[in-house]
Amino acid sequence: MSLAQVGAIEYVFKPVQIAEIIDDAITDMIPLVNEKNLTIRKDVPDGLPDIKGDRDKLTDLFTHLIDNAVKFTPSGVITVEAHEVEDGIHIKVSDTGIGVARDVIPKLFQKFYQVDPSIRRKYGGTGLGLYICKTIVDAHNGNIWVESEENVGTTVHVKLPG
């Protein structure tokens, strides 16, 4: 998805099952997970309530978050969790990767932000990924935030209203 497309995105909101969307995103990423010899764990209970969302955009969101986790995890585990909370569903994508410095976290969702130019060279990317993720979450009236510790890993939280 390009920056020009971000501003022109049209959403189609329908009842969707977040477990199916997460399954689709994980399935899309299995070749990359296997190529890097990582483990992916899923903790998504059956029977989560439907939410009102755009299936394709939410699939893009979680595919990107899992792709980031894989990209920045040289070895270890990627975990995708979803749980019902009082006012919606809370999804976490966690990794055991390189992590991000605490002072950088507030900048991660800015357009074209790169943690470090050497990171871009090593891992690729345009600096639009998390900005696009935030745009999708905002369109769903949700919240997205990051917790991270350098050399320990990162967890991206997404909370979507029910």
C-alpha atoms as a PDB file:
ATOM      1  CA  MET A   1       0.000   0.000   0.000  1.00  0.00           C
ATOM      2  CA  SER A   2       1.429   3.390  -0.946  1.00  0.00           C
ATOM      3  CA  LEU A   3       1.082   6.702   0.854  1.00  0.00           C
ATOM      4  CA  ALA A   4      -1.255   7.966  -1.877  1.00  0.00           C
ATOM      5  CA  GLN A   5      -3.504   4.974  -1.268  1.00  0.00           C
ATOM      6  CA  VAL A   6      -3.632   5.610   2.494  1.00  0.00           C
ATOM      7  CA  GLY A   7      -5.534   8.870   2.071  1.00  0.00           C
ATOM      8  CA  ALA A   8      -7.892   7.357  -0.488  1.00  0.00           C
ATOM      9  CA  ILE A   9      -8.781   4.156   1.339  1.00  0.00           C
ATOM     10  CA  GLU A  10     -12.436   3.250   1.325  1.00  0.00           C
ATOM     11  CA  TYR A  11     -13.613   1.016   4.127  1.00  0.00           C
ATOM     12  CA  VAL A  12     -16.451  -1.473   4.028  1.00  0.00           C
ATOM     13  CA  PHE A  13     -17.585  -2.172   7.574  1.00  0.00           C
ATOM     14  CA  LYS A  14     -19.396  -5.447   8.201  1.00  0.00           C
ATOM     15  CA  PRO A  15     -19.514  -7.880  11.100  1.00  0.00           C
ATOM     16  CA  VAL A  16     -16.221  -9.812  11.030  1.00  0.00           C
ATOM     17  CA  GLN A  17     -14.708 -12.578  13.116  1.00  0.00           C
ATOM     18  CA  ILE A  18     -11.284 -11.424  14.334  1.00  0.00           C
ATOM     19  CA  ALA A  19     -10.107 -15.039  14.831  1.00  0.00           C
ATOM     20  CA  GLU A  20     -10.548 -15.708  11.092  1.00  0.00           C
ATOM     21  CA  ILE A  21      -8.692 -12.520  10.189  1.00  0.00           C
ATOM     22  CA  ILE A  22      -5.789 -13.462  12.483  1.00  0.00           C
ATOM     23  CA  ASP A  23      -5.732 -16.969  10.966  1.00  0.00           C
ATOM     24  CA  ASP A  24      -5.537 -15.461   7.464  1.00  0.00           C
ATOM     25  CA  ALA A  25      -2.704 -13.114   8.496  1.00  0.00           C
ATOM     26  CA  ILE A  26      -0.732 -15.944  10.130  1.00  0.00           C
ATOM     27  CA  THR A  27      -1.256 -18.198   7.096  1.00  0.00           C
ATOM     28  CA  ASP A  28       0.097 -15.440   4.830  1.00  0.00           C
ATOM     29  CA  MET A  29       3.233 -15.216   6.975  1.00  0.00           C
ATOM     30  CA  ILE A  30       4.000 -18.954   7.456  1.00  0.00           C
ATOM     31  CA  PRO A  31       6.541 -19.126   4.579  1.00  0.00           C
ATOM     32  CA  LEU A  32       8.550 -16.226   6.055  1.00  0.00           C
ATOM     33  CA  VAL A  33       8.265 -17.645   9.589  1.00  0.00           C
ATOM     34  CA  ASN A  34       9.539 -21.018   8.354  1.00  0.00           C
ATOM     35  CA  GLU A  35      12.300 -19.424   6.274  1.00  0.00           C
ATOM     36  CA  LYS A  36      13.668 -17.714   9.406  1.00  0.00           C
ATOM     37  CA  ASN A  37      13.145 -20.843  11.515  1.00  0.00           C
ATOM     38  CA  LEU A  38      10.941 -18.950  13.981  1.00  0.00           C
ATOM     39  CA  THR A  39       8.049 -20.286  16.020  1.00  0.00           C
ATOM     40  CA  ILE A  40       4.630 -18.679  15.797  1.00  0.00           C
ATOM     41  CA  ARG A  41       2.143 -19.197  18.617  1.00  0.00           C
ATOM     42  CA  LYS A  42      -1.517 -18.300  18.526  1.00  0.00           C
ATOM     43  CA  ASP A  43      -3.659 -17.753  21.606  1.00  0.00           C
ATOM     44  CA  VAL A  44      -7.059 -16.834  20.204  1.00  0.00           C
ATOM     45  CA  PRO A  45     -10.057 -18.395  21.958  1.00  0.00           C
ATOM     46  CA  ASP A  46     -13.010 -19.743  20.023  1.00  0.00           C
ATOM     47  CA  GLY A  47     -16.186 -17.739  20.270  1.00  0.00           C
ATOM     48  CA  LEU A  48     -14.833 -14.196  20.263  1.00  0.00           C
ATOM     49  CA  PRO A  49     -17.703 -11.854  19.372  1.00  0.00           C
ATOM     50  CA  ASP A  50     -17.895 -10.307  15.923  1.00  0.00           C
ATOM     51  CA  ILE A  51     -16.702  -6.759  15.561  1.00  0.00           C
ATOM     52  CA  LYS A  52     -17.690  -4.239  12.923  1.00  0.00           C
ATOM     53  CA  GLY A  53     -14.717  -3.918  10.609  1.00  0.00           C
ATOM     54  CA  ASP A  54     -13.260  -4.015   7.135  1.00  0.00           C
ATOM     55  CA  ARG A  55     -11.989  -7.580   6.691  1.00  0.00           C
ATOM     56  CA  ASP A  56      -9.383  -6.751   4.042  1.00  0.00           C
ATOM     57  CA  LYS A  57      -7.938  -3.770   5.908  1.00  0.00           C
ATOM     58  CA  LEU A  58      -7.800  -5.679   9.194  1.00  0.00           C
ATOM     59  CA  THR A  59      -6.072  -8.575   7.422  1.00  0.00           C
ATOM     60  CA  ASP A  60      -3.544  -6.056   6.035  1.00  0.00           C
ATOM     61  CA  LEU A  61      -3.075  -4.650   9.545  1.00  0.00           C
ATOM     62  CA  PHE A  62      -2.317  -7.965  11.217  1.00  0.00           C
ATOM     63  CA  THR A  63      -0.262  -9.259   8.298  1.00  0.00           C
ATOM     64  CA  HIS A  64       1.917  -6.158   8.575  1.00  0.00           C
ATOM     65  CA  LEU A  65       2.267  -6.434  12.358  1.00  0.00           C
ATOM     66  CA  ILE A  66       3.262 -10.105  12.093  1.00  0.00           C
ATOM     67  CA  ASP A  67       5.626  -9.288   9.214  1.00  0.00           C
ATOM     68  CA  ASN A  68       7.311  -6.618  11.366  1.00  0.00           C
ATOM     69  CA  ALA A  69       7.645  -9.076  14.229  1.00  0.00           C
ATOM     70  CA  VAL A  70       9.232 -11.647  11.916  1.00  0.00           C
ATOM     71  CA  LYS A  71      11.484  -9.067  10.269  1.00  0.00           C
ATOM     72  CA  PHE A  72      12.917  -7.826  13.567  1.00  0.00           C
ATOM     73  CA  THR A  73      13.234 -11.229  15.269  1.00  0.00           C
ATOM     74  CA  PRO A  74      16.475 -13.016  14.367  1.00  0.00           C
ATOM     75  CA  SER A  75      15.442 -16.087  16.385  1.00  0.00           C
ATOM     76  CA  GLY A  76      12.703 -16.953  18.799  1.00  0.00           C
ATOM     77  CA  VAL A  77       8.948 -16.735  19.023  1.00  0.00           C
ATOM     78  CA  ILE A  78       6.162 -14.587  17.590  1.00  0.00           C
ATOM     79  CA  THR A  79       2.952 -14.715  19.633  1.00  0.00           C
ATOM     80  CA  VAL A  80      -0.444 -13.510  18.455  1.00  0.00           C
ATOM     81  CA  GLU A  81      -3.114 -13.237  21.150  1.00  0.00           C
ATOM     82  CA  ALA A  82      -6.680 -11.976  21.158  1.00  0.00           C
ATOM     83  CA  HIS A  83      -8.984 -11.668  24.131  1.00  0.00           C
ATOM     84  CA  GLU A  84     -12.379 -10.160  24.716  1.00  0.00           C
ATOM     85  CA  VAL A  85     -12.287  -7.117  26.967  1.00  0.00           C
ATOM     86  CA  GLU A  86     -15.128  -5.061  28.409  1.00  0.00           C
ATOM     87  CA  ASP A  87     -15.512  -2.783  25.398  1.00  0.00           C
ATOM     88  CA  GLY A  88     -14.118  -4.830  22.522  1.00  0.00           C
ATOM     89  CA  ILE A  89     -11.233  -7.100  21.604  1.00  0.00           C
ATOM     90  CA  HIS A  90      -7.578  -6.662  22.595  1.00  0.00           C
ATOM     91  CA  ILE A  91      -5.060  -8.196  20.188  1.00  0.00           C
ATOM     92  CA  LYS A  92      -1.328  -8.431  20.873  1.00  0.00           C
ATOM     93  CA  VAL A  93       1.463  -9.296  18.456  1.00  0.00           C
ATOM     94  CA  SER A  94       4.613 -10.003  20.461  1.00  0.00           C
ATOM     95  CA  ASP A  95       8.113 -10.988  19.465  1.00  0.00           C
ATOM     96  CA  THR A  96      11.439 -11.853  21.063  1.00  0.00           C
ATOM     97  CA  GLY A  97      13.318  -9.631  18.629  1.00  0.00           C
ATOM     98  CA  ILE A  98      15.670  -6.670  18.710  1.00  0.00           C
ATOM     99  CA  GLY A  99      13.206  -4.335  20.446  1.00  0.00           C
ATOM    100  CA  VAL A 100      12.984  -0.560  20.279  1.00  0.00           C
ATOM    101  CA  ALA A 101      14.422   2.079  22.601  1.00  0.00           C
ATOM    102  CA  ARG A 102      11.809   3.589  24.907  1.00  0.00           C
ATOM    103  CA  ASP A 103      12.402   7.153  23.644  1.00  0.00           C
ATOM    104  CA  VAL A 104      11.687   6.063  20.063  1.00  0.00           C
ATOM    105  CA  ILE A 105       8.305   4.429  20.744  1.00  0.00           C
ATOM    106  CA  PRO A 106       6.230   7.675  20.489  1.00  0.00           C
ATOM    107  CA  LYS A 107       7.654   8.285  16.983  1.00  0.00           C
ATOM    108  CA  LEU A 108       6.932   4.826  15.554  1.00  0.00           C
ATOM    109  CA  PHE A 109       3.545   5.751  14.076  1.00  0.00           C
ATOM    110  CA  GLN A 110       4.812   8.871  12.273  1.00  0.00           C
ATOM    111  CA  LYS A 111       4.886   8.902   8.500  1.00  0.00           C
ATOM    112  CA  PHE A 112       8.296   7.901   7.096  1.00  0.00           C
ATOM    113  CA  TYR A 113       9.834   7.451  10.545  1.00  0.00           C
ATOM    114  CA  GLN A 114      12.781   5.055  10.597  1.00  0.00           C
ATOM    115  CA  VAL A 115      14.375   4.089  13.890  1.00  0.00           C
ATOM    116  CA  ASP A 116      17.827   4.211  12.343  1.00  0.00           C
ATOM    117  CA  PRO A 117      18.978   4.407   8.698  1.00  0.00           C
ATOM    118  CA  SER A 118      21.050   1.246   9.166  1.00  0.00           C
ATOM    119  CA  ILE A 119      17.872  -0.579  10.225  1.00  0.00           C
ATOM    120  CA  ARG A 120      16.246   0.409   6.937  1.00  0.00           C
ATOM    121  CA  ARG A 121      19.216  -0.909   4.986  1.00  0.00           C
ATOM    122  CA  LYS A 122      19.318  -4.145   6.953  1.00  0.00           C
ATOM    123  CA  TYR A 123      15.594  -4.897   7.175  1.00  0.00           C
ATOM    124  CA  GLY A 124      14.048  -2.893   4.324  1.00  0.00           C
ATOM    125  CA  GLY A 125      10.838  -0.939   4.547  1.00  0.00           C
ATOM    126  CA  THR A 126       9.584   2.522   3.689  1.00  0.00           C
ATOM    127  CA  GLY A 127       8.739   3.927   7.102  1.00  0.00           C
ATOM    128  CA  LEU A 128       5.035   3.794   6.232  1.00  0.00           C
ATOM    129  CA  GLY A 129       4.070   0.457   7.762  1.00  0.00           C
ATOM    130  CA  LEU A 130       3.131   1.473  11.280  1.00  0.00           C
ATOM    131  CA  TYR A 131       1.671   4.759  10.019  1.00  0.00           C
ATOM    132  CA  ILE A 132      -0.651   2.732   7.766  1.00  0.00           C
ATOM    133  CA  CYS A 133      -1.461   0.386  10.658  1.00  0.00           C
ATOM    134  CA  LYS A 134      -2.432   3.359  12.813  1.00  0.00           C
ATOM    135  CA  THR A 135      -4.573   4.745   9.987  1.00  0.00           C
ATOM    136  CA  ILE A 136      -6.466   1.427   9.758  1.00  0.00           C
ATOM    137  CA  VAL A 137      -6.918   1.192  13.544  1.00  0.00           C
ATOM    138  CA  ASP A 138      -8.075   4.834  13.718  1.00  0.00           C
ATOM    139  CA  ALA A 139     -10.653   4.172  10.979  1.00  0.00           C
ATOM    140  CA  HIS A 140     -12.014   1.365  13.188  1.00  0.00           C
ATOM    141  CA  ASN A 141     -12.178   3.748  16.200  1.00  0.00           C
ATOM    142  CA  GLY A 142      -9.579   1.616  17.955  1.00  0.00           C
ATOM    143  CA  ASN A 143      -6.244   2.164  19.648  1.00  0.00           C
ATOM    144  CA  ILE A 144      -2.766   0.921  18.803  1.00  0.00           C
ATOM    145  CA  TRP A 145       0.318   1.194  20.988  1.00  0.00           C
ATOM    146  CA  VAL A 146       3.725  -0.384  21.445  1.00  0.00           C
ATOM    147  CA  GLU A 147       5.625  -1.735  24.433  1.00  0.00           C
ATOM    148  CA  SER A 148       9.230  -2.662  23.794  1.00  0.00           C
ATOM    149  CA  GLU A 149      12.573  -3.265  25.391  1.00  0.00           C
ATOM    150  CA  GLU A 150      15.817  -3.343  23.459  1.00  0.00           C
ATOM    151  CA  ASN A 151      17.219  -6.857  22.979  1.00  0.00           C
ATOM    152  CA  VAL A 152      14.140  -8.358  24.656  1.00  0.00           C
ATOM    153  CA  GLY A 153      11.297  -7.824  22.172  1.00  0.00           C
ATOM    154  CA  THR A 154       8.273  -5.817  21.223  1.00  0.00           C
ATOM    155  CA  THR A 155       4.538  -6.106  21.742  1.00  0.00           C
ATOM    156  CA  VAL A 156       2.125  -4.189  19.553  1.00  0.00           C
ATOM    157  CA  HIS A 157      -1.310  -3.832  21.129  1.00  0.00           C
ATOM    158  CA  VAL A 158      -4.472  -3.245  19.095  1.00  0.00           C
ATOM    159  CA  LYS A 159      -7.778  -2.642  20.813  1.00  0.00           C
ATOM    160  CA  LEU A 160     -10.839  -2.670  18.600  1.00  0.00           C
ATOM    161  CA  PRO A 161     -14.342  -1.778  19.801  1.00  0.00           C
ATOM    162  CA  GLY A 162     -17.022  -4.464  19.835  1.00  0.00           C
END
